């Protein structure tokens, strides 16, 4: 199993709207691709960064599902995020493997 983590640092002024959009629009769209088994969104409490830091996490059963997401679905979903919040966030994406 794999954990796809997207860390997003959002300007303070956009954070509340961003979280609502993630919960009501973006995350449901990502999950509708069928490539992930579950998801969660977290707020980093002790972030050293300016702004508000969120982690959006998605669990994939295997590398094939993750690769299909990246190749087929991610470009349009990332464009939607970029179009809506351009210049007001930065994102870092990490793929991790469960070891137990």
PDB file of N, CA and C in Angstrom:
ATOM      1  N   UNK A   1       0.840  -1.175   0.000  1.00  0.00           N
ATOM      2  CA  UNK A   1       0.000   0.000   0.000  1.00  0.00           C
ATOM      3  C   UNK A   1       0.883   1.235   0.000  1.00  0.00           C
ATOM      4  N   UNK A   2       0.357   2.285  -0.628  1.00  0.00           N
ATOM      5  CA  UNK A   2       1.103   3.522  -0.774  1.00  0.00           C
ATOM      6  C   UNK A   2       0.302   4.696  -0.226  1.00  0.00           C
ATOM      7  N   UNK A   3       1.019   5.672   0.302  1.00  0.00           N
ATOM      8  CA  UNK A   3       0.397   6.900   0.772  1.00  0.00           C
ATOM      9  C   UNK A   3       0.907   8.044  -0.102  1.00  0.00           C
ATOM     10  N   UNK A   4      -0.011   8.674  -0.797  1.00  0.00           N
ATOM     11  CA  UNK A   4       0.297   9.845  -1.616  1.00  0.00           C
ATOM     12  C   UNK A   4      -0.047  11.063  -0.777  1.00  0.00           C
ATOM     13  N   UNK A   5       0.959  11.842  -0.423  1.00  0.00           N
ATOM     14  CA  UNK A   5       0.797  12.996   0.450  1.00  0.00           C
ATOM     15  C   UNK A   5       1.042  14.271  -0.349  1.00  0.00           C
ATOM     16  N   UNK A   6       0.096  15.200  -0.266  1.00  0.00           N
ATOM     17  CA  UNK A   6       0.259  16.509  -0.892  1.00  0.00           C
ATOM     18  C   UNK A   6       0.258  17.542   0.231  1.00  0.00           C
ATOM     19  N   UNK A   7       1.409  18.162   0.452  1.00  0.00           N
ATOM     20  CA  UNK A   7       1.527  19.214   1.447  1.00  0.00           C
ATOM     21  C   UNK A   7       1.312  20.540   0.732  1.00  0.00           C
ATOM     22  N   UNK A   8       0.371  21.325   1.255  1.00  0.00           N
ATOM     23  CA  UNK A   8       0.003  22.597   0.641  1.00  0.00           C
ATOM     24  C   UNK A   8       0.142  23.706   1.669  1.00  0.00           C
ATOM     25  N   UNK A   9       0.928  24.702   1.346  1.00  0.00           N
ATOM     26  CA  UNK A   9       1.082  25.866   2.215  1.00  0.00           C
ATOM     27  C   UNK A   9       0.296  26.995   1.559  1.00  0.00           C
ATOM     28  N   UNK A  10      -0.732  27.458   2.268  1.00  0.00           N
ATOM     29  CA  UNK A  10      -1.700  28.392   1.711  1.00  0.00           C
ATOM     30  C   UNK A  10      -1.625  29.723   2.456  1.00  0.00           C
ATOM     31  N   UNK A  11      -1.757  30.828   1.716  1.00  0.00           N
ATOM     32  CA  UNK A  11      -1.797  32.136   2.358  1.00  0.00           C
ATOM     33  C   UNK A  11      -2.899  32.175   3.413  1.00  0.00           C
ATOM     34  N   UNK A  12      -2.634  32.864   4.501  1.00  0.00           N
ATOM     35  CA  UNK A  12      -3.615  32.976   5.595  1.00  0.00           C
ATOM     36  C   UNK A  12      -4.976  33.442   5.097  1.00  0.00           C
ATOM     37  N   UNK A  13      -4.980  34.418   4.201  1.00  0.00           N
ATOM     38  CA  UNK A  13      -6.245  35.010   3.742  1.00  0.00           C
ATOM     39  C   UNK A  13      -7.084  34.039   2.912  1.00  0.00           C
ATOM     40  N   UNK A  14      -6.485  33.004   2.378  1.00  0.00           N
ATOM     41  CA  UNK A  14      -7.213  32.043   1.538  1.00  0.00           C
ATOM     42  C   UNK A  14      -7.472  30.719   2.251  1.00  0.00           C
ATOM     43  N   UNK A  15      -6.940  30.528   3.445  1.00  0.00           N
ATOM     44  CA  UNK A  15      -6.940  29.214   4.096  1.00  0.00           C
ATOM     45  C   UNK A  15      -8.332  28.654   4.366  1.00  0.00           C
ATOM     46  N   UNK A  16      -9.232  29.446   4.879  1.00  0.00           N
ATOM     47  CA  UNK A  16     -10.570  28.948   5.212  1.00  0.00           C
ATOM     48  C   UNK A  16     -11.333  28.530   3.950  1.00  0.00           C
ATOM     49  N   UNK A  17     -11.312  29.397   2.944  1.00  0.00           N
ATOM     50  CA  UNK A  17     -11.971  29.068   1.675  1.00  0.00           C
ATOM     51  C   UNK A  17     -11.318  27.852   1.024  1.00  0.00           C
ATOM     52  N   UNK A  18      -9.993  27.785   1.088  1.00  0.00           N
ATOM     53  CA  UNK A  18      -9.248  26.670   0.517  1.00  0.00           C
ATOM     54  C   UNK A  18      -9.660  25.345   1.153  1.00  0.00           C
ATOM     55  N   UNK A  19      -9.733  25.312   2.477  1.00  0.00           N
ATOM     56  CA  UNK A  19     -10.107  24.082   3.171  1.00  0.00           C
ATOM     57  C   UNK A  19     -11.515  23.637   2.766  1.00  0.00           C
ATOM     58  N   UNK A  20     -12.443  24.562   2.701  1.00  0.00           N
ATOM     59  CA  UNK A  20     -13.807  24.228   2.281  1.00  0.00           C
ATOM     60  C   UNK A  20     -13.814  23.680   0.860  1.00  0.00           C
ATOM     61  N   UNK A  21     -13.091  24.322  -0.036  1.00  0.00           N
ATOM     62  CA  UNK A  21     -13.019  23.863  -1.433  1.00  0.00           C
ATOM     63  C   UNK A  21     -12.397  22.465  -1.514  1.00  0.00           C
ATOM     64  N   UNK A  22     -11.348  22.241  -0.745  1.00  0.00           N
ATOM     65  CA  UNK A  22     -10.717  20.914  -0.736  1.00  0.00           C
ATOM     66  C   UNK A  22     -11.713  19.850  -0.283  1.00  0.00           C
ATOM     67  N   UNK A  23     -12.426  20.122   0.811  1.00  0.00           N
ATOM     68  CA  UNK A  23     -13.347  19.139   1.385  1.00  0.00           C
ATOM     69  C   UNK A  23     -14.576  18.913   0.513  1.00  0.00           C
ATOM     70  N   UNK A  24     -15.087  19.953  -0.105  1.00  0.00           N
ATOM     71  CA  UNK A  24     -16.339  19.842  -0.849  1.00  0.00           C
ATOM     72  C   UNK A  24     -16.169  19.563  -2.335  1.00  0.00           C
ATOM     73  N   UNK A  25     -15.015  19.933  -2.902  1.00  0.00           N
ATOM     74  CA  UNK A  25     -14.835  19.812  -4.356  1.00  0.00           C
ATOM     75  C   UNK A  25     -13.637  18.936  -4.714  1.00  0.00           C
ATOM     76  N   UNK A  26     -12.448  19.372  -4.342  1.00  0.00           N
ATOM     77  CA  UNK A  26     -11.235  18.728  -4.840  1.00  0.00           C
ATOM     78  C   UNK A  26     -11.076  17.280  -4.372  1.00  0.00           C
ATOM     79  N   UNK A  27     -11.162  17.052  -3.075  1.00  0.00           N
ATOM     80  CA  UNK A  27     -10.984  15.687  -2.566  1.00  0.00           C
ATOM     81  C   UNK A  27     -12.044  14.746  -3.128  1.00  0.00           C
ATOM     82  N   UNK A  28     -13.324  15.134  -3.178  1.00  0.00           N
ATOM     83  CA  UNK A  28     -14.307  14.243  -3.823  1.00  0.00           C
ATOM     84  C   UNK A  28     -13.971  13.944  -5.292  1.00  0.00           C
ATOM     85  N   UNK A  29     -13.422  14.925  -6.010  1.00  0.00           N
ATOM     86  CA  UNK A  29     -13.028  14.678  -7.403  1.00  0.00           C
ATOM     87  C   UNK A  29     -11.874  13.691  -7.484  1.00  0.00           C
ATOM     88  N   UNK A  30     -10.897  13.834  -6.592  1.00  0.00           N
ATOM     89  CA  UNK A  30      -9.773  12.888  -6.571  1.00  0.00           C
ATOM     90  C   UNK A  30     -10.286  11.485  -6.248  1.00  0.00           C
ATOM     91  N   UNK A  31     -11.141  11.372  -5.263  1.00  0.00           N
ATOM     92  CA  UNK A  31     -11.658  10.056  -4.877  1.00  0.00           C
ATOM     93  C   UNK A  31     -12.543   9.453  -5.969  1.00  0.00           C
ATOM     94  N   UNK A  32     -13.218  10.288  -6.738  1.00  0.00           N
ATOM     95  CA  UNK A  32     -14.087   9.797  -7.827  1.00  0.00           C
ATOM     96  C   UNK A  32     -13.291   9.147  -8.951  1.00  0.00           C
ATOM     97  N   UNK A  33     -11.979   9.347  -8.988  1.00  0.00           N
ATOM     98  CA  UNK A  33     -11.158   8.682 -10.004  1.00  0.00           C
ATOM     99  C   UNK A  33     -11.100   7.175  -9.768  1.00  0.00           C
ATOM    100  N   UNK A  34     -11.390   6.739  -8.552  1.00  0.00           N
ATOM    101  CA  UNK A  34     -11.344   5.324  -8.222  1.00  0.00           C
ATOM    102  C   UNK A  34      -9.940   4.778  -7.998  1.00  0.00           C
ATOM    103  N   UNK A  35      -8.951   5.645  -7.958  1.00  0.00           N
ATOM    104  CA  UNK A  35      -7.562   5.200  -7.825  1.00  0.00           C
ATOM    105  C   UNK A  35      -7.110   5.087  -6.376  1.00  0.00           C
ATOM    106  N   UNK A  36      -7.908   5.622  -5.436  1.00  0.00           N
ATOM    107  CA  UNK A  36      -7.506   5.620  -4.038  1.00  0.00           C
ATOM    108  C   UNK A  36      -8.566   4.948  -3.177  1.00  0.00           C
ATOM    109  N   UNK A  37      -8.112   4.299  -2.111  1.00  0.00           N
ATOM    110  CA  UNK A  37      -8.997   3.580  -1.202  1.00  0.00           C
ATOM    111  C   UNK A  37      -9.582   4.475  -0.123  1.00  0.00           C
ATOM    112  N   UNK A  38      -8.812   5.452   0.319  1.00  0.00           N
ATOM    113  CA  UNK A  38      -9.261   6.347   1.386  1.00  0.00           C
ATOM    114  C   UNK A  38      -8.460   7.636   1.316  1.00  0.00           C
ATOM    115  N   UNK A  39      -8.888   8.593   2.122  1.00  0.00           N
ATOM    116  CA  UNK A  39      -8.200   9.885   2.161  1.00  0.00           C
ATOM    117  C   UNK A  39      -8.411  10.542   3.518  1.00  0.00           C
ATOM    118  N   UNK A  40      -7.625  11.582   3.759  1.00  0.00           N
ATOM    119  CA  UNK A  40      -7.829  12.443   4.915  1.00  0.00           C
ATOM    120  C   UNK A  40      -7.115  13.756   4.640  1.00  0.00           C
ATOM    121  N   UNK A  41      -7.561  14.790   5.336  1.00  0.00           N
ATOM    122  CA  UNK A  41      -6.876  16.080   5.246  1.00  0.00           C
ATOM    123  C   UNK A  41      -6.533  16.512   6.663  1.00  0.00           C
ATOM    124  N   UNK A  42      -5.333  17.034   6.808  1.00  0.00           N
ATOM    125  CA  UNK A  42      -4.832  17.452   8.116  1.00  0.00           C
ATOM    126  C   UNK A  42      -4.286  18.867   8.027  1.00  0.00           C
ATOM    127  N   UNK A  43      -4.308  19.550   9.163  1.00  0.00           N
ATOM    128  CA  UNK A  43      -3.678  20.863   9.272  1.00  0.00           C
ATOM    129  C   UNK A  43      -2.432  20.681  10.132  1.00  0.00           C
ATOM    130  N   UNK A  44      -1.314  21.182   9.686  1.00  0.00           N
ATOM    131  CA  UNK A  44      -0.070  21.101  10.454  1.00  0.00           C
ATOM    132  C   UNK A  44      -0.130  22.158  11.552  1.00  0.00           C
ATOM    133  N   UNK A  45      -0.007  21.714  12.790  1.00  0.00           N
ATOM    134  CA  UNK A  45      -0.164  22.594  13.948  1.00  0.00           C
ATOM    135  C   UNK A  45       1.078  23.439  14.191  1.00  0.00           C
ATOM    136  N   UNK A  46       2.256  22.854  14.043  1.00  0.00           N
ATOM    137  CA  UNK A  46       3.489  23.560  14.392  1.00  0.00           C
ATOM    138  C   UNK A  46       4.360  23.865  13.179  1.00  0.00           C
ATOM    139  N   UNK A  47       3.740  24.235  12.079  1.00  0.00           N
ATOM    140  CA  UNK A  47       4.474  24.523  10.856  1.00  0.00           C
ATOM    141  C   UNK A  47       5.362  25.756  11.029  1.00  0.00           C
ATOM    142  N   UNK A  48       6.611  25.679  10.572  1.00  0.00           N
ATOM    143  CA  UNK A  48       7.492  26.850  10.645  1.00  0.00           C
ATOM    144  C   UNK A  48       7.256  27.821   9.481  1.00  0.00           C
ATOM    145  N   UNK A  49       6.356  27.452   8.565  1.00  0.00           N
ATOM    146  CA  UNK A  49       6.112  28.253   7.370  1.00  0.00           C
ATOM    147  C   UNK A  49       5.117  29.373   7.629  1.00  0.00           C
ATOM    148  N   UNK A  50       5.207  30.423   6.831  1.00  0.00           N
ATOM    149  CA  UNK A  50       4.176  31.449   6.845  1.00  0.00           C
ATOM    150  C   UNK A  50       2.951  30.876   6.164  1.00  0.00           C
ATOM    151  N   UNK A  51       1.772  31.271   6.589  1.00  0.00           N
ATOM    152  CA  UNK A  51       0.553  30.735   6.021  1.00  0.00           C
ATOM    153  C   UNK A  51       0.088  29.524   6.810  1.00  0.00           C
ATOM    154  N   UNK A  52      -0.869  28.817   6.233  1.00  0.00           N
ATOM    155  CA  UNK A  52      -1.438  27.630   6.864  1.00  0.00           C
ATOM    156  C   UNK A  52      -1.013  26.419   6.044  1.00  0.00           C
ATOM    157  N   UNK A  53      -0.520  25.384   6.716  1.00  0.00           N
ATOM    158  CA  UNK A  53      -0.051  24.184   6.034  1.00  0.00           C
ATOM    159  C   UNK A  53      -1.052  23.058   6.222  1.00  0.00           C
ATOM    160  N   UNK A  54      -1.485  22.482   5.095  1.00  0.00           N
ATOM    161  CA  UNK A  54      -2.386  21.340   5.080  1.00  0.00           C
ATOM    162  C   UNK A  54      -1.675  20.160   4.445  1.00  0.00           C
ATOM    163  N   UNK A  55      -2.048  18.954   4.856  1.00  0.00           N
ATOM    164  CA  UNK A  55      -1.598  17.740   4.200  1.00  0.00           C
ATOM    165  C   UNK A  55      -2.830  16.975   3.759  1.00  0.00           C
ATOM    166  N   UNK A  56      -2.926  16.757   2.474  1.00  0.00           N
ATOM    167  CA  UNK A  56      -4.014  15.965   1.910  1.00  0.00           C
ATOM    168  C   UNK A  56      -3.417  14.609   1.555  1.00  0.00           C
ATOM    169  N   UNK A  57      -3.958  13.542   2.141  1.00  0.00           N
ATOM    170  CA  UNK A  57      -3.363  12.214   1.994  1.00  0.00           C
ATOM    171  C   UNK A  57      -4.352  11.233   1.376  1.00  0.00           C
ATOM    172  N   UNK A  58      -3.819  10.415   0.479  1.00  0.00           N
ATOM    173  CA  UNK A  58      -4.623   9.435  -0.253  1.00  0.00           C
ATOM    174  C   UNK A  58      -3.916   8.087  -0.217  1.00  0.00           C
ATOM    175  N   UNK A  59      -4.664   7.021   0.043  1.00  0.00           N
ATOM    176  CA  UNK A  59      -4.092   5.679   0.114  1.00  0.00           C
ATOM    177  C   UNK A  59      -4.407   4.935  -1.181  1.00  0.00           C
ATOM    178  N   UNK A  60      -3.347   4.438  -1.828  1.00  0.00           N
ATOM    179  CA  UNK A  60      -3.480   3.634  -3.047  1.00  0.00           C
ATOM    180  C   UNK A  60      -3.109   2.193  -2.732  1.00  0.00           C
ATOM    181  N   UNK A  61      -3.817   1.271  -3.341  1.00  0.00           N
ATOM    182  CA  UNK A  61      -3.575  -0.153  -3.115  1.00  0.00           C
ATOM    183  C   UNK A  61      -2.245  -0.604  -3.700  1.00  0.00           C
ATOM    184  N   UNK A  62      -1.833   0.017  -4.834  1.00  0.00           N
ATOM    185  CA  UNK A  62      -0.618  -0.420  -5.514  1.00  0.00           C
ATOM    186  C   UNK A  62      -0.073   0.698  -6.397  1.00  0.00           C
ATOM    187  N   UNK A  63       1.130   0.501  -6.887  1.00  0.00           N
ATOM    188  CA  UNK A  63       1.797   1.510  -7.706  1.00  0.00           C
ATOM    189  C   UNK A  63       1.062   1.738  -9.026  1.00  0.00           C
ATOM    190  N   UNK A  64       0.395   0.714  -9.543  1.00  0.00           N
ATOM    191  CA  UNK A  64      -0.351   0.858 -10.790  1.00  0.00           C
ATOM    192  C   UNK A  64      -1.486   1.857 -10.665  1.00  0.00           C
ATOM    193  N   UNK A  65      -2.214   1.802  -9.557  1.00  0.00           N
ATOM    194  CA  UNK A  65      -3.308   2.752  -9.327  1.00  0.00           C
ATOM    195  C   UNK A  65      -2.754   4.166  -9.196  1.00  0.00           C
ATOM    196  N   UNK A  66      -1.672   4.313  -8.466  1.00  0.00           N
ATOM    197  CA  UNK A  66      -1.056   5.626  -8.311  1.00  0.00           C
ATOM    198  C   UNK A  66      -0.591   6.160  -9.669  1.00  0.00           C
ATOM    199  N   UNK A  67       0.095   5.330 -10.452  1.00  0.00           N
ATOM    200  CA  UNK A  67       0.594   5.763 -11.763  1.00  0.00           C
ATOM    201  C   UNK A  67      -0.551   6.149 -12.697  1.00  0.00           C
ATOM    202  N   UNK A  68      -1.634   5.395 -12.654  1.00  0.00           N
ATOM    203  CA  UNK A  68      -2.786   5.745 -13.487  1.00  0.00           C
ATOM    204  C   UNK A  68      -3.354   7.101 -13.068  1.00  0.00           C
ATOM    205  N   UNK A  69      -3.419   7.334 -11.772  1.00  0.00           N
ATOM    206  CA  UNK A  69      -3.877   8.637 -11.288  1.00  0.00           C
ATOM    207  C   UNK A  69      -2.968   9.744 -11.823  1.00  0.00           C
ATOM    208  N   UNK A  70      -1.666   9.581 -11.649  1.00  0.00           N
ATOM    209  CA  UNK A  70      -0.701  10.601 -12.062  1.00  0.00           C
ATOM    210  C   UNK A  70      -0.783  10.855 -13.566  1.00  0.00           C
ATOM    211  N   UNK A  71      -0.873   9.799 -14.349  1.00  0.00           N
ATOM    212  CA  UNK A  71      -0.849   9.938 -15.802  1.00  0.00           C
ATOM    213  C   UNK A  71      -2.173  10.379 -16.401  1.00  0.00           C
ATOM    214  N   UNK A  72      -3.287   9.955 -15.806  1.00  0.00           N
ATOM    215  CA  UNK A  72      -4.596  10.173 -16.410  1.00  0.00           C
ATOM    216  C   UNK A  72      -5.392  11.302 -15.767  1.00  0.00           C
ATOM    217  N   UNK A  73      -5.336  11.413 -14.452  1.00  0.00           N
ATOM    218  CA  UNK A  73      -6.229  12.318 -13.738  1.00  0.00           C
ATOM    219  C   UNK A  73      -5.549  13.550 -13.132  1.00  0.00           C
ATOM    220  N   UNK A  74      -4.336  13.388 -12.665  1.00  0.00           N
ATOM    221  CA  UNK A  74      -3.678  14.462 -11.909  1.00  0.00           C
ATOM    222  C   UNK A  74      -3.523  15.767 -12.690  1.00  0.00           C
ATOM    223  N   UNK A  75      -3.149  15.742 -13.965  1.00  0.00           N
ATOM    224  CA  UNK A  75      -2.945  17.032 -14.644  1.00  0.00           C
ATOM    225  C   UNK A  75      -4.168  17.952 -14.602  1.00  0.00           C
ATOM    226  N   UNK A  76      -5.343  17.442 -14.879  1.00  0.00           N
ATOM    227  CA  UNK A  76      -6.551  18.282 -14.869  1.00  0.00           C
ATOM    228  C   UNK A  76      -6.901  18.733 -13.451  1.00  0.00           C
ATOM    229  N   UNK A  77      -6.741  17.836 -12.472  1.00  0.00           N
ATOM    230  CA  UNK A  77      -7.063  18.196 -11.094  1.00  0.00           C
ATOM    231  C   UNK A  77      -6.079  19.229 -10.549  1.00  0.00           C
ATOM    232  N   UNK A  78      -4.817  19.082 -10.882  1.00  0.00           N
ATOM    233  CA  UNK A  78      -3.824  20.062 -10.446  1.00  0.00           C
ATOM    234  C   UNK A  78      -4.037  21.401 -11.142  1.00  0.00           C
ATOM    235  N   UNK A  79      -4.457  21.381 -12.393  1.00  0.00           N
ATOM    236  CA  UNK A  79      -4.758  22.621 -13.112  1.00  0.00           C
ATOM    237  C   UNK A  79      -5.906  23.358 -12.447  1.00  0.00           C
ATOM    238  N   UNK A  80      -6.924  22.628 -12.029  1.00  0.00           N
ATOM    239  CA  UNK A  80      -8.056  23.236 -11.340  1.00  0.00           C
ATOM    240  C   UNK A  80      -7.602  23.934 -10.062  1.00  0.00           C
ATOM    241  N   UNK A  81      -6.743  23.278  -9.301  1.00  0.00           N
ATOM    242  CA  UNK A  81      -6.187  23.859  -8.084  1.00  0.00           C
ATOM    243  C   UNK A  81      -5.370  25.103  -8.421  1.00  0.00           C
ATOM    244  N   UNK A  82      -4.505  24.988  -9.415  1.00  0.00           N
ATOM    245  CA  UNK A  82      -3.649  26.111  -9.797  1.00  0.00           C
ATOM    246  C   UNK A  82      -4.471  27.292 -10.300  1.00  0.00           C
ATOM    247  N   UNK A  83      -5.479  27.025 -11.117  1.00  0.00           N
ATOM    248  CA  UNK A  83      -6.316  28.100 -11.657  1.00  0.00           C
ATOM    249  C   UNK A  83      -7.039  28.844 -10.544  1.00  0.00           C
ATOM    250  N   UNK A  84      -7.512  28.119  -9.555  1.00  0.00           N
ATOM    251  CA  UNK A  84      -8.308  28.726  -8.479  1.00  0.00           C
ATOM    252  C   UNK A  84      -7.445  29.492  -7.478  1.00  0.00           C
ATOM    253  N   UNK A  85      -6.255  28.978  -7.160  1.00  0.00           N
ATOM    254  CA  UNK A  85      -5.433  29.557  -6.091  1.00  0.00           C
ATOM    255  C   UNK A  85      -4.049  29.996  -6.560  1.00  0.00           C
ATOM    256  N   UNK A  86      -3.917  30.295  -7.817  1.00  0.00           N
ATOM    257  CA  UNK A  86      -2.613  30.676  -8.370  1.00  0.00           C
ATOM    258  C   UNK A  86      -1.972  31.811  -7.566  1.00  0.00           C
ATOM    259  N   UNK A  87      -0.714  31.596  -7.207  1.00  0.00           N
ATOM    260  CA  UNK A  87       0.031  32.603  -6.473  1.00  0.00           C
ATOM    261  C   UNK A  87      -0.270  32.669  -4.991  1.00  0.00           C
ATOM    262  N   UNK A  88      -1.201  31.826  -4.508  1.00  0.00           N
ATOM    263  CA  UNK A  88      -1.567  31.879  -3.096  1.00  0.00           C
ATOM    264  C   UNK A  88      -1.212  30.603  -2.343  1.00  0.00           C
ATOM    265  N   UNK A  89      -0.489  29.688  -2.997  1.00  0.00           N
ATOM    266  CA  UNK A  89      -0.106  28.444  -2.334  1.00  0.00           C
ATOM    267  C   UNK A  89       1.139  27.869  -2.992  1.00  0.00           C
ATOM    268  N   UNK A  90       1.766  26.966  -2.280  1.00  0.00           N
ATOM    269  CA  UNK A  90       2.801  26.097  -2.849  1.00  0.00           C
ATOM    270  C   UNK A  90       2.442  24.678  -2.445  1.00  0.00           C
ATOM    271  N   UNK A  91       2.825  23.722  -3.282  1.00  0.00           N
ATOM    272  CA  UNK A  91       2.498  22.320  -3.016  1.00  0.00           C
ATOM    273  C   UNK A  91       3.741  21.455  -3.182  1.00  0.00           C
ATOM    274  N   UNK A  92       3.837  20.455  -2.316  1.00  0.00           N
ATOM    275  CA  UNK A  92       4.903  19.450  -2.378  1.00  0.00           C
ATOM    276  C   UNK A  92       4.229  18.087  -2.357  1.00  0.00           C
ATOM    277  N   UNK A  93       4.592  17.238  -3.292  1.00  0.00           N
ATOM    278  CA  UNK A  93       3.969  15.920  -3.390  1.00  0.00           C
ATOM    279  C   UNK A  93       4.999  14.834  -3.081  1.00  0.00           C
ATOM    280  N   UNK A  94       4.559  13.862  -2.259  1.00  0.00           N
ATOM    281  CA  UNK A  94       5.440  12.774  -1.833  1.00  0.00           C
ATOM    282  C   UNK A  94       4.676  11.465  -1.894  1.00  0.00           C
ATOM    283  N   UNK A  95       5.324  10.431  -2.393  1.00  0.00           N
ATOM    284  CA  UNK A  95       4.755   9.089  -2.390  1.00  0.00           C
ATOM    285  C   UNK A  95       5.526   8.249  -1.391  1.00  0.00           C
ATOM    286  N   UNK A  96       4.794   7.622  -0.460  1.00  0.00           N
ATOM    287  CA  UNK A  96       5.405   6.823   0.587  1.00  0.00           C
ATOM    288  C   UNK A  96       4.835   5.409   0.581  1.00  0.00           C
ATOM    289  N   UNK A  97       5.649   4.465   0.992  1.00  0.00           N
ATOM    290  CA  UNK A  97       5.225   3.065   1.052  1.00  0.00           C
ATOM    291  C   UNK A  97       5.019   2.659   2.508  1.00  0.00           C
ATOM    292  N   UNK A  98       3.887   1.997   2.765  1.00  0.00           N
ATOM    293  CA  UNK A  98       3.639   1.422   4.092  1.00  0.00           C
ATOM    294  C   UNK A  98       4.588   0.239   4.292  1.00  0.00           C
ATOM    295  N   UNK A  99       5.213   0.161   5.457  1.00  0.00           N
ATOM    296  CA  UNK A  99       6.135  -0.926   5.732  1.00  0.00           C
ATOM    297  C   UNK A  99       5.562  -1.977   6.675  1.00  0.00           C
ATOM    298  N   UNK A 100       4.453  -1.702   7.307  1.00  0.00           N
ATOM    299  CA  UNK A 100       3.867  -2.724   8.190  1.00  0.00           C
ATOM    300  C   UNK A 100       2.418  -2.971   7.852  1.00  0.00           C
TER     301      UNK A 100
END
